[in-house]
Amino acid sequence: MKELARVELIKDRAEYAQRGIKVGHKGTVMLGDERNGYVLVFFDGEYYKNKYGAMIMREIDVGVRVEDLKVIPDNE
């Protein structure tokens, strides 16, 4: 799996649910190196305004099993 690839979670597990992630959540692979079958994914979180009024997305970083991810093609 390549670094910065867009992915979607395709399997629920308790370890993901503890972080608030479930099937259908989308994110970006960070540190594309696979370690023990896992990659680090920054899942899209909620948007909020910072003190300067800029919209910022809160990201949720989770180590995810490669087999539980589907790569989203660039045209989607």
Protein backbone atom coordinates (compact mmCIF):
# COMPACT_ATOMS: atom_id res chain seq x y z
CA MET A 1 0.00 0.00 0.00
CA LYS A 2 1.47 3.35 -1.05
CA GLU A 3 1.93 6.33 1.22
CA LEU A 4 -0.77 9.01 0.73
CA ALA A 5 -3.17 6.51 -0.88
CA ARG A 6 -6.84 7.19 -0.10
CA VAL A 7 -8.44 4.18 1.56
CA GLU A 8 -11.76 3.02 2.96
CA LEU A 9 -12.27 0.72 5.95
CA ILE A 10 -14.09 -2.45 4.87
CA LYS A 11 -14.15 -4.46 8.12
CA ASP A 12 -15.21 -3.55 11.66
CA ARG A 13 -12.99 -4.59 14.57
CA ALA A 14 -13.13 -3.70 18.26
CA GLU A 15 -9.69 -2.07 18.06
CA TYR A 16 -11.01 0.42 15.48
CA ALA A 17 -14.32 0.99 17.25
CA GLN A 18 -12.44 2.13 20.36
CA ARG A 19 -11.06 5.00 18.26
CA GLY A 20 -14.47 5.82 16.73
CA ILE A 21 -13.77 4.29 13.32
CA LYS A 22 -16.20 1.94 11.54
CA VAL A 23 -16.83 0.45 8.10
CA GLY A 24 -17.08 3.15 5.44
CA HIS A 25 -14.73 5.65 7.06
CA LYS A 26 -12.19 7.08 4.61
CA GLY A 27 -8.67 8.22 5.24
CA THR A 28 -5.13 8.59 3.96
CA VAL A 29 -2.26 6.14 4.45
CA MET A 30 0.63 7.77 6.26
CA LEU A 31 4.01 6.10 6.60
CA GLY A 32 3.19 3.59 3.84
CA ASP A 33 5.56 0.99 5.27
CA GLU A 34 3.62 -2.05 6.43
CA ARG A 35 4.61 -3.29 9.88
CA ASN A 36 3.33 -6.61 11.17
CA GLY A 37 0.43 -6.37 8.70
CA TYR A 38 -0.59 -2.83 9.78
CA VAL A 39 -0.29 0.64 8.24
CA LEU A 40 -0.94 4.01 9.85
CA VAL A 41 -4.07 5.69 8.49
CA PHE A 42 -5.25 9.23 9.23
CA PHE A 43 -9.04 8.96 8.96
CA ASP A 44 -11.09 12.04 8.12
CA GLY A 45 -12.67 13.51 11.21
CA GLU A 46 -15.02 16.40 11.89
CA TYR A 47 -14.45 19.96 10.74
CA TYR A 48 -14.19 22.78 13.27
CA LYS A 49 -13.22 26.46 13.28
CA ASN A 50 -10.02 27.41 15.03
CA LYS A 51 -9.60 30.66 16.96
CA TYR A 52 -8.73 32.49 13.72
CA GLY A 53 -11.91 31.35 11.98
CA ALA A 54 -10.18 28.85 9.66
CA MET A 55 -11.91 25.53 9.03
CA ILE A 56 -9.75 22.60 10.12
CA MET A 57 -10.40 18.85 10.00
CA ARG A 58 -9.75 16.79 13.10
CA GLU A 59 -8.00 13.59 11.99
CA ILE A 60 -8.09 10.24 13.76
CA ASP A 61 -4.85 8.25 13.41
CA VAL A 62 -5.21 4.48 13.70
CA GLY A 63 -3.00 1.50 12.93
CA VAL A 64 -5.12 -0.62 10.57
CA ARG A 65 -4.63 -4.10 9.19
CA VAL A 66 -3.90 -3.92 5.46
CA GLU A 67 -6.52 -6.63 4.80
CA ASP A 68 -9.21 -4.36 6.30
CA LEU A 69 -8.63 -1.55 3.80
CA LYS A 70 -9.72 -0.91 0.23
CA VAL A 71 -7.77 1.57 -1.91
CA ILE A 72 -10.01 4.25 -3.38
CA PRO A 73 -9.18 4.98 -7.05
CA ASP A 74 -8.08 8.54 -7.84
CA ASN A 75 -11.18 9.20 -9.94
CA GLU A 76 -13.60 8.71 -7.00
